[in-house]
mmCIF file of all heavy atoms, coordinates in Angstrom:
data_MODEL
# 
_entry.id   MODEL 
# 
loop_
_atom_site.group_PDB 
_atom_site.id 
_atom_site.type_symbol 
_atom_site.label_atom_id 
_atom_site.label_alt_id 
_atom_site.label_comp_id 
_atom_site.label_asym_id 
_atom_site.label_entity_id 
_atom_site.label_seq_id 
_atom_site.pdbx_PDB_ins_code 
_atom_site.Cartn_x 
_atom_site.Cartn_y 
_atom_site.Cartn_z 
_atom_site.occupancy 
_atom_site.B_iso_or_equiv 
_atom_site.pdbx_formal_charge 
_atom_site.auth_seq_id 
_atom_site.auth_comp_id 
_atom_site.auth_asym_id 
_atom_site.auth_atom_id 
_atom_site.pdbx_PDB_model_num 
ATOM 1   N N   . ALA A 1 1  ? -18.553 -11.040 -11.809 1.00 0.00 ? 1  ALA A N   1 
ATOM 2   C CA  . ALA A 1 1  ? -19.616 -12.013 -11.613 1.00 0.00 ? 1  ALA A CA  1 
ATOM 3   C C   . ALA A 1 1  ? -20.358 -12.298 -12.908 1.00 0.00 ? 1  ALA A C   1 
ATOM 4   O O   . ALA A 1 1  ? -20.773 -13.426 -13.167 1.00 0.00 ? 1  ALA A O   1 
ATOM 5   C CB  . ALA A 1 1  ? -20.604 -11.428 -10.584 1.00 0.00 ? 1  ALA A CB  1 
ATOM 6   N N   . VAL A 1 2  ? -20.524 -11.279 -13.770 1.00 0.00 ? 2  VAL A N   1 
ATOM 7   C CA  . VAL A 1 2  ? -21.388 -11.439 -14.951 1.00 0.00 ? 2  VAL A CA  1 
ATOM 8   C C   . VAL A 1 2  ? -20.629 -11.759 -16.223 1.00 0.00 ? 2  VAL A C   1 
ATOM 9   O O   . VAL A 1 2  ? -21.130 -12.454 -17.113 1.00 0.00 ? 2  VAL A O   1 
ATOM 10  C CB  . VAL A 1 2  ? -22.269 -10.149 -15.166 1.00 0.00 ? 2  VAL A CB  1 
ATOM 11  C CG1 . VAL A 1 2  ? -23.218 -10.329 -16.333 1.00 0.00 ? 2  VAL A CG1 1 
ATOM 12  C CG2 . VAL A 1 2  ? -23.056 -9.852  -13.873 1.00 0.00 ? 2  VAL A CG2 1 
ATOM 13  N N   . ALA A 1 3  ? -19.412 -11.236 -16.337 1.00 0.00 ? 3  ALA A N   1 
ATOM 14  C CA  . ALA A 1 3  ? -18.660 -11.382 -17.576 1.00 0.00 ? 3  ALA A CA  1 
ATOM 15  C C   . ALA A 1 3  ? -18.499 -12.868 -17.996 1.00 0.00 ? 3  ALA A C   1 
ATOM 16  O O   . ALA A 1 3  ? -18.634 -13.180 -19.186 1.00 0.00 ? 3  ALA A O   1 
ATOM 17  C CB  . ALA A 1 3  ? -17.257 -10.742 -17.466 1.00 0.00 ? 3  ALA A CB  1 
ATOM 18  N N   . PRO A 1 4  ? -18.169 -13.804 -17.100 1.00 0.00 ? 4  PRO A N   1 
ATOM 19  C CA  . PRO A 1 4  ? -18.028 -15.199 -17.579 1.00 0.00 ? 4  PRO A CA  1 
ATOM 20  C C   . PRO A 1 4  ? -19.314 -15.771 -18.188 1.00 0.00 ? 4  PRO A C   1 
ATOM 21  O O   . PRO A 1 4  ? -19.243 -16.537 -19.145 1.00 0.00 ? 4  PRO A O   1 
ATOM 22  C CB  . PRO A 1 4  ? -17.709 -15.960 -16.265 1.00 0.00 ? 4  PRO A CB  1 
ATOM 23  C CG  . PRO A 1 4  ? -17.037 -14.935 -15.400 1.00 0.00 ? 4  PRO A CG  1 
ATOM 24  C CD  . PRO A 1 4  ? -17.787 -13.675 -15.683 1.00 0.00 ? 4  PRO A CD  1 
ATOM 25  N N   . ILE A 1 5  ? -20.481 -15.346 -17.649 1.00 0.00 ? 5  ILE A N   1 
ATOM 26  C CA  . ILE A 1 5  ? -21.757 -15.788 -18.250 1.00 0.00 ? 5  ILE A CA  1 
ATOM 27  C C   . ILE A 1 5  ? -21.902 -15.179 -19.634 1.00 0.00 ? 5  ILE A C   1 
ATOM 28  O O   . ILE A 1 5  ? -22.314 -15.857 -20.578 1.00 0.00 ? 5  ILE A O   1 
ATOM 29  C CB  . ILE A 1 5  ? -22.920 -15.374 -17.337 1.00 0.00 ? 5  ILE A CB  1 
ATOM 30  C CG1 . ILE A 1 5  ? -22.811 -15.991 -15.965 1.00 0.00 ? 5  ILE A CG1 1 
ATOM 31  C CG2 . ILE A 1 5  ? -24.271 -15.731 -17.970 1.00 0.00 ? 5  ILE A CG2 1 
ATOM 32  C CD1 . ILE A 1 5  ? -23.832 -15.521 -14.965 1.00 0.00 ? 5  ILE A CD1 1 
ATOM 33  N N   . ALA A 1 6  ? -21.572 -13.883 -19.766 1.00 0.00 ? 6  ALA A N   1 
ATOM 34  C CA  . ALA A 1 6  ? -21.686 -13.211 -21.075 1.00 0.00 ? 6  ALA A CA  1 
ATOM 35  C C   . ALA A 1 6  ? -20.755 -13.880 -22.111 1.00 0.00 ? 6  ALA A C   1 
ATOM 36  O O   . ALA A 1 6  ? -21.114 -14.016 -23.270 1.00 0.00 ? 6  ALA A O   1 
ATOM 37  C CB  . ALA A 1 6  ? -21.313 -11.743 -20.890 1.00 0.00 ? 6  ALA A CB  1 
ATOM 38  N N   . ILE A 1 7  ? -19.562 -14.267 -21.668 1.00 0.00 ? 7  ILE A N   1 
ATOM 39  C CA  . ILE A 1 7  ? -18.594 -14.884 -22.572 1.00 0.00 ? 7  ILE A CA  1 
ATOM 40  C C   . ILE A 1 7  ? -19.189 -16.191 -23.138 1.00 0.00 ? 7  ILE A C   1 
ATOM 41  O O   . ILE A 1 7  ? -19.125 -16.494 -24.319 1.00 0.00 ? 7  ILE A O   1 
ATOM 42  C CB  . ILE A 1 7  ? -17.277 -15.161 -21.857 1.00 0.00 ? 7  ILE A CB  1 
ATOM 43  C CG1 . ILE A 1 7  ? -16.601 -13.806 -21.505 1.00 0.00 ? 7  ILE A CG1 1 
ATOM 44  C CG2 . ILE A 1 7  ? -16.332 -15.998 -22.691 1.00 0.00 ? 7  ILE A CG2 1 
ATOM 45  C CD1 . ILE A 1 7  ? -15.523 -13.923 -20.442 1.00 0.00 ? 7  ILE A CD1 1 
ATOM 46  N N   . GLY A 1 8  ? -19.776 -17.011 -22.227 1.00 0.00 ? 8  GLY A N   1 
ATOM 47  C CA  . GLY A 1 8  ? -20.373 -18.268 -22.653 1.00 0.00 ? 8  GLY A CA  1 
ATOM 48  C C   . GLY A 1 8  ? -21.547 -18.042 -23.618 1.00 0.00 ? 8  GLY A C   1 
ATOM 49  O O   . GLY A 1 8  ? -21.698 -18.781 -24.578 1.00 0.00 ? 8  GLY A O   1 
ATOM 50  N N   . MET A 1 9  ? -22.364 -17.051 -23.312 1.00 0.00 ? 9  MET A N   1 
ATOM 51  C CA  . MET A 1 9  ? -23.505 -16.742 -24.170 1.00 0.00 ? 9  MET A CA  1 
ATOM 52  C C   . MET A 1 9  ? -23.067 -16.306 -25.546 1.00 0.00 ? 9  MET A C   1 
ATOM 53  O O   . MET A 1 9  ? -23.668 -16.656 -26.575 1.00 0.00 ? 9  MET A O   1 
ATOM 54  C CB  . MET A 1 9  ? -24.385 -15.670 -23.504 1.00 0.00 ? 9  MET A CB  1 
ATOM 55  C CG  . MET A 1 9  ? -25.197 -16.164 -22.347 1.00 0.00 ? 9  MET A CG  1 
ATOM 56  S SD  . MET A 1 9  ? -26.351 -14.922 -21.746 1.00 0.00 ? 9  MET A SD  1 
ATOM 57  C CE  . MET A 1 9  ? -27.404 -15.925 -20.666 1.00 0.00 ? 9  MET A CE  1 
ATOM 58  N N   . ALA A 1 10 ? -22.030 -15.511 -25.615 1.00 0.00 ? 10 ALA A N   1 
ATOM 59  C CA  . ALA A 1 10 ? -21.494 -15.050 -26.891 1.00 0.00 ? 10 ALA A CA  1 
ATOM 60  C C   . ALA A 1 10 ? -21.008 -16.223 -27.724 1.00 0.00 ? 10 ALA A C   1 
ATOM 61  O O   . ALA A 1 10 ? -21.224 -16.320 -28.943 1.00 0.00 ? 10 ALA A O   1 
ATOM 62  C CB  . ALA A 1 10 ? -20.342 -14.050 -26.684 1.00 0.00 ? 10 ALA A CB  1 
ATOM 63  N N   . SER A 1 11 ? -20.359 -17.178 -27.089 1.00 0.00 ? 11 SER A N   1 
ATOM 64  C CA  . SER A 1 11 ? -19.811 -18.332 -27.776 1.00 0.00 ? 11 SER A CA  1 
ATOM 65  C C   . SER A 1 11 ? -20.905 -19.196 -28.372 1.00 0.00 ? 11 SER A C   1 
ATOM 66  O O   . SER A 1 11 ? -20.790 -19.685 -29.503 1.00 0.00 ? 11 SER A O   1 
ATOM 67  C CB  . SER A 1 11 ? -18.985 -19.203 -26.788 1.00 0.00 ? 11 SER A CB  1 
ATOM 68  O OG  . SER A 1 11 ? -18.575 -20.400 -27.373 1.00 0.00 ? 11 SER A OG  1 
ATOM 69  N N   . LYS A 1 12 ? -22.048 -19.350 -27.668 1.00 0.00 ? 12 LYS A N   1 
ATOM 70  C CA  . LYS A 1 12 ? -23.077 -20.257 -28.137 1.00 0.00 ? 12 LYS A CA  1 
ATOM 71  C C   . LYS A 1 12 ? -24.149 -19.558 -28.972 1.00 0.00 ? 12 LYS A C   1 
ATOM 72  O O   . LYS A 1 12 ? -24.903 -20.228 -29.695 1.00 0.00 ? 12 LYS A O   1 
ATOM 73  C CB  . LYS A 1 12 ? -23.729 -20.940 -26.924 1.00 0.00 ? 12 LYS A CB  1 
ATOM 74  C CG  . LYS A 1 12 ? -22.749 -21.861 -26.189 1.00 0.00 ? 12 LYS A CG  1 
ATOM 75  C CD  . LYS A 1 12 ? -23.456 -22.791 -25.230 1.00 0.00 ? 12 LYS A CD  1 
ATOM 76  C CE  . LYS A 1 12 ? -22.438 -23.733 -24.592 1.00 0.00 ? 12 LYS A CE  1 
ATOM 77  N NZ  . LYS A 1 12 ? -23.092 -24.725 -23.715 1.00 0.00 ? 12 LYS A NZ  1 
ATOM 78  N N   . SER A 1 13 ? -24.219 -18.240 -28.890 1.00 0.00 ? 13 SER A N   1 
ATOM 79  C CA  . SER A 1 13 ? -25.258 -17.535 -29.635 1.00 0.00 ? 13 SER A CA  1 
ATOM 80  C C   . SER A 1 13 ? -24.747 -16.952 -30.924 1.00 0.00 ? 13 SER A C   1 
ATOM 81  O O   . SER A 1 13 ? -25.525 -16.615 -31.824 1.00 0.00 ? 13 SER A O   1 
ATOM 82  C CB  . SER A 1 13 ? -25.860 -16.390 -28.778 1.00 0.00 ? 13 SER A CB  1 
ATOM 83  O OG  . SER A 1 13 ? -24.857 -15.384 -28.556 1.00 0.00 ? 13 SER A OG  1 
ATOM 84  N N   . GLY A 1 14 ? -23.434 -16.808 -31.053 1.00 0.00 ? 14 GLY A N   1 
ATOM 85  C CA  . GLY A 1 14 ? -22.876 -16.194 -32.259 1.00 0.00 ? 14 GLY A CA  1 
ATOM 86  C C   . GLY A 1 14 ? -22.766 -14.713 -32.183 1.00 0.00 ? 14 GLY A C   1 
ATOM 87  O O   . GLY A 1 14 ? -22.288 -14.052 -33.109 1.00 0.00 ? 14 GLY A O   1 
ATOM 88  N N   . ILE A 1 15 ? -23.216 -14.095 -31.086 1.00 0.00 ? 15 ILE A N   1 
ATOM 89  C CA  . ILE A 1 15 ? -23.106 -12.664 -30.911 1.00 0.00 ? 15 ILE A CA  1 
ATOM 90  C C   . ILE A 1 15 ? -21.612 -12.343 -30.652 1.00 0.00 ? 15 ILE A C   1 
ATOM 91  O O   . ILE A 1 15 ? -20.919 -13.098 -30.005 1.00 0.00 ? 15 ILE A O   1 
ATOM 92  C CB  . ILE A 1 15 ? -23.948 -12.163 -29.715 1.00 0.00 ? 15 ILE A CB  1 
ATOM 93  C CG1 . ILE A 1 15 ? -25.403 -12.431 -29.974 1.00 0.00 ? 15 ILE A CG1 1 
ATOM 94  C CG2 . ILE A 1 15 ? -23.762 -10.671 -29.504 1.00 0.00 ? 15 ILE A CG2 1 
ATOM 95  C CD1 . ILE A 1 15 ? -26.345 -12.106 -28.788 1.00 0.00 ? 15 ILE A CD1 1 
ATOM 96  N N   . SER A 1 16 ? -21.188 -11.192 -31.164 1.00 0.00 ? 16 SER A N   1 
ATOM 97  C CA  . SER A 1 16 ? -19.798 -10.807 -30.940 1.00 0.00 ? 16 SER A CA  1 
ATOM 98  C C   . SER A 1 16 ? -19.448 -10.785 -29.486 1.00 0.00 ? 16 SER A C   1 
ATOM 99  O O   . SER A 1 16 ? -20.170 -10.232 -28.623 1.00 0.00 ? 16 SER A O   1 
ATOM 100 C CB  . SER A 1 16 ? -19.606 -9.374  -31.532 1.00 0.00 ? 16 SER A CB  1 
ATOM 101 O OG  . SER A 1 16 ? -18.416 -8.799  -31.047 1.00 0.00 ? 16 SER A OG  1 
ATOM 102 N N   . LEU A 1 17 ? -18.295 -11.367 -29.158 1.00 0.00 ? 17 LEU A N   1 
ATOM 103 C CA  . LEU A 1 17 ? -17.826 -11.443 -27.787 1.00 0.00 ? 17 LEU A CA  1 
ATOM 104 C C   . LEU A 1 17 ? -17.615 -10.004 -27.243 1.00 0.00 ? 17 LEU A C   1 
ATOM 105 O O   . LEU A 1 17 ? -17.995 -9.705  -26.115 1.00 0.00 ? 17 LEU A O   1 
ATOM 106 C CB  . LEU A 1 17 ? -16.526 -12.232 -27.693 1.00 0.00 ? 17 LEU A CB  1 
ATOM 107 C CG  . LEU A 1 17 ? -15.841 -12.323 -26.324 1.00 0.00 ? 17 LEU A CG  1 
ATOM 108 C CD1 . LEU A 1 17 ? -16.812 -12.930 -25.298 1.00 0.00 ? 17 LEU A CD1 1 
ATOM 109 C CD2 . LEU A 1 17 ? -14.603 -13.175 -26.415 1.00 0.00 ? 17 LEU A CD2 1 
ATOM 110 N N   . ALA A 1 18 ? -17.007 -9.140  -28.055 1.00 0.00 ? 18 ALA A N   1 
ATOM 111 C CA  . ALA A 1 18 ? -16.761 -7.776  -27.636 1.00 0.00 ? 18 ALA A CA  1 
ATOM 112 C C   . ALA A 1 18 ? -18.057 -7.041  -27.317 1.00 0.00 ? 18 ALA A C   1 
ATOM 113 O O   . ALA A 1 18 ? -18.126 -6.250  -26.366 1.00 0.00 ? 18 ALA A O   1 
ATOM 114 C CB  . ALA A 1 18 ? -15.989 -6.999  -28.698 1.00 0.00 ? 18 ALA A CB  1 
ATOM 115 N N   . LEU A 1 19 ? -19.107 -7.319  -28.075 1.00 0.00 ? 19 LEU A N   1 
ATOM 116 C CA  . LEU A 1 19 ? -20.394 -6.654  -27.873 1.00 0.00 ? 19 LEU A CA  1 
ATOM 117 C C   . LEU A 1 19 ? -21.024 -7.076  -26.537 1.00 0.00 ? 19 LEU A C   1 
ATOM 118 O O   . LEU A 1 19 ? -21.578 -6.262  -25.803 1.00 0.00 ? 19 LEU A O   1 
ATOM 119 C CB  . LEU A 1 19 ? -21.361 -6.964  -29.021 1.00 0.00 ? 19 LEU A CB  1 
ATOM 120 C CG  . LEU A 1 19 ? -21.127 -6.181  -30.321 1.00 0.00 ? 19 LEU A CG  1 
ATOM 121 C CD1 . LEU A 1 19 ? -22.010 -6.733  -31.423 1.00 0.00 ? 19 LEU A CD1 1 
ATOM 122 C CD2 . LEU A 1 19 ? -21.385 -4.701  -30.148 1.00 0.00 ? 19 LEU A CD2 1 
ATOM 123 N N   . THR A 1 20 ? -21.002 -8.380  -26.269 1.00 0.00 ? 20 THR A N   1 
ATOM 124 C CA  . THR A 1 20 ? -21.592 -8.827  -25.022 1.00 0.00 ? 20 THR A CA  1 
ATOM 125 C C   . THR A 1 20 ? -20.810 -8.301  -23.815 1.00 0.00 ? 20 THR A C   1 
ATOM 126 O O   . THR A 1 20 ? -21.407 -7.896  -22.811 1.00 0.00 ? 20 THR A O   1 
ATOM 127 C CB  . THR A 1 20 ? -21.631 -10.372 -24.953 1.00 0.00 ? 20 THR A CB  1 
ATOM 128 O OG1 . THR A 1 20 ? -20.296 -10.897 -25.130 1.00 0.00 ? 20 THR A OG1 1 
ATOM 129 C CG2 . THR A 1 20 ? -22.539 -10.959 -26.022 1.00 0.00 ? 20 THR A CG2 1 
ATOM 130 N N   . ILE A 1 21 ? -19.490 -8.258  -23.921 1.00 0.00 ? 21 ILE A N   1 
ATOM 131 C CA  . ILE A 1 21 ? -18.678 -7.739  -22.833 1.00 0.00 ? 21 ILE A CA  1 
ATOM 132 C C   . ILE A 1 21 ? -18.916 -6.237  -22.682 1.00 0.00 ? 21 ILE A C   1 
ATOM 133 O O   . ILE A 1 21 ? -18.992 -5.703  -21.570 1.00 0.00 ? 21 ILE A O   1 
ATOM 134 C CB  . ILE A 1 21 ? -17.191 -8.026  -23.107 1.00 0.00 ? 21 ILE A CB  1 
ATOM 135 C CG1 . ILE A 1 21 ? -16.887 -9.488  -22.927 1.00 0.00 ? 21 ILE A CG1 1 
ATOM 136 C CG2 . ILE A 1 21 ? -16.304 -7.219  -22.138 1.00 0.00 ? 21 ILE A CG2 1 
ATOM 137 C CD1 . ILE A 1 21 ? -17.135 -10.062 -21.595 1.00 0.00 ? 21 ILE A CD1 1 
ATOM 138 N N   . GLY A 1 22 ? -19.100 -5.531  -23.795 1.00 0.00 ? 22 GLY A N   1 
ATOM 139 C CA  . GLY A 1 22 ? -19.401 -4.104  -23.775 1.00 0.00 ? 22 GLY A CA  1 
ATOM 140 C C   . GLY A 1 22 ? -20.725 -3.842  -23.030 1.00 0.00 ? 22 GLY A C   1 
ATOM 141 O O   . GLY A 1 22 ? -20.834 -2.848  -22.273 1.00 0.00 ? 22 GLY A O   1 
ATOM 142 N N   . ALA A 1 23 ? -21.721 -4.713  -23.232 1.00 0.00 ? 23 ALA A N   1 
ATOM 143 C CA  . ALA A 1 23 ? -22.986 -4.557  -22.559 1.00 0.00 ? 23 ALA A CA  1 
ATOM 144 C C   . ALA A 1 23 ? -22.830 -4.715  -21.065 1.00 0.00 ? 23 ALA A C   1 
ATOM 145 O O   . ALA A 1 23 ? -23.428 -3.980  -20.239 1.00 0.00 ? 23 ALA A O   1 
ATOM 146 C CB  . ALA A 1 23 ? -24.009 -5.565  -23.101 1.00 0.00 ? 23 ALA A CB  1 
ATOM 147 N N   . VAL A 1 24 ? -22.009 -5.680  -20.647 1.00 0.00 ? 24 VAL A N   1 
ATOM 148 C CA  . VAL A 1 24 ? -21.772 -5.933  -19.196 1.00 0.00 ? 24 VAL A CA  1 
ATOM 149 C C   . VAL A 1 24 ? -21.048 -4.710  -18.587 1.00 0.00 ? 24 VAL A C   1 
ATOM 150 O O   . VAL A 1 24 ? -21.455 -4.267  -17.518 1.00 0.00 ? 24 VAL A O   1 
ATOM 151 C CB  . VAL A 1 24 ? -20.943 -7.199  -19.037 1.00 0.00 ? 24 VAL A CB  1 
ATOM 152 C CG1 . VAL A 1 24 ? -20.522 -7.347  -17.559 1.00 0.00 ? 24 VAL A CG1 1 
ATOM 153 C CG2 . VAL A 1 24 ? -21.726 -8.443  -19.447 1.00 0.00 ? 24 VAL A CG2 1 
ATOM 154 N N   . VAL A 1 25 ? -20.007 -4.218  -19.233 1.00 0.00 ? 25 VAL A N   1 
ATOM 155 C CA  . VAL A 1 25 ? -19.278 -3.076  -18.702 1.00 0.00 ? 25 VAL A CA  1 
ATOM 156 C C   . VAL A 1 25 ? -20.143 -1.874  -18.631 1.00 0.00 ? 25 VAL A C   1 
ATOM 157 O O   . VAL A 1 25 ? -20.144 -1.108  -17.637 1.00 0.00 ? 25 VAL A O   1 
ATOM 158 C CB  . VAL A 1 25 ? -17.983 -2.805  -19.542 1.00 0.00 ? 25 VAL A CB  1 
ATOM 159 C CG1 . VAL A 1 25 ? -17.281 -1.540  -19.045 1.00 0.00 ? 25 VAL A CG1 1 
ATOM 160 C CG2 . VAL A 1 25 ? -17.047 -3.999  -19.494 1.00 0.00 ? 25 VAL A CG2 1 
ATOM 161 N N   . GLY A 1 26 ? -20.960 -1.636  -19.637 1.00 0.00 ? 26 GLY A N   1 
ATOM 162 C CA  . GLY A 1 26 ? -21.883 -0.483  -19.629 1.00 0.00 ? 26 GLY A CA  1 
ATOM 163 C C   . GLY A 1 26 ? -22.865 -0.529  -18.518 1.00 0.00 ? 26 GLY A C   1 
ATOM 164 O O   . GLY A 1 26 ? -23.053 0.426   -17.762 1.00 0.00 ? 26 GLY A O   1 
# 
């Protein structure tokens, strides 16, 4: 449910994709 939102945020914010996904999994 949350990962697709995190992926989009990473793309537009410049934050590392792996980092945003790591936050979701954690």
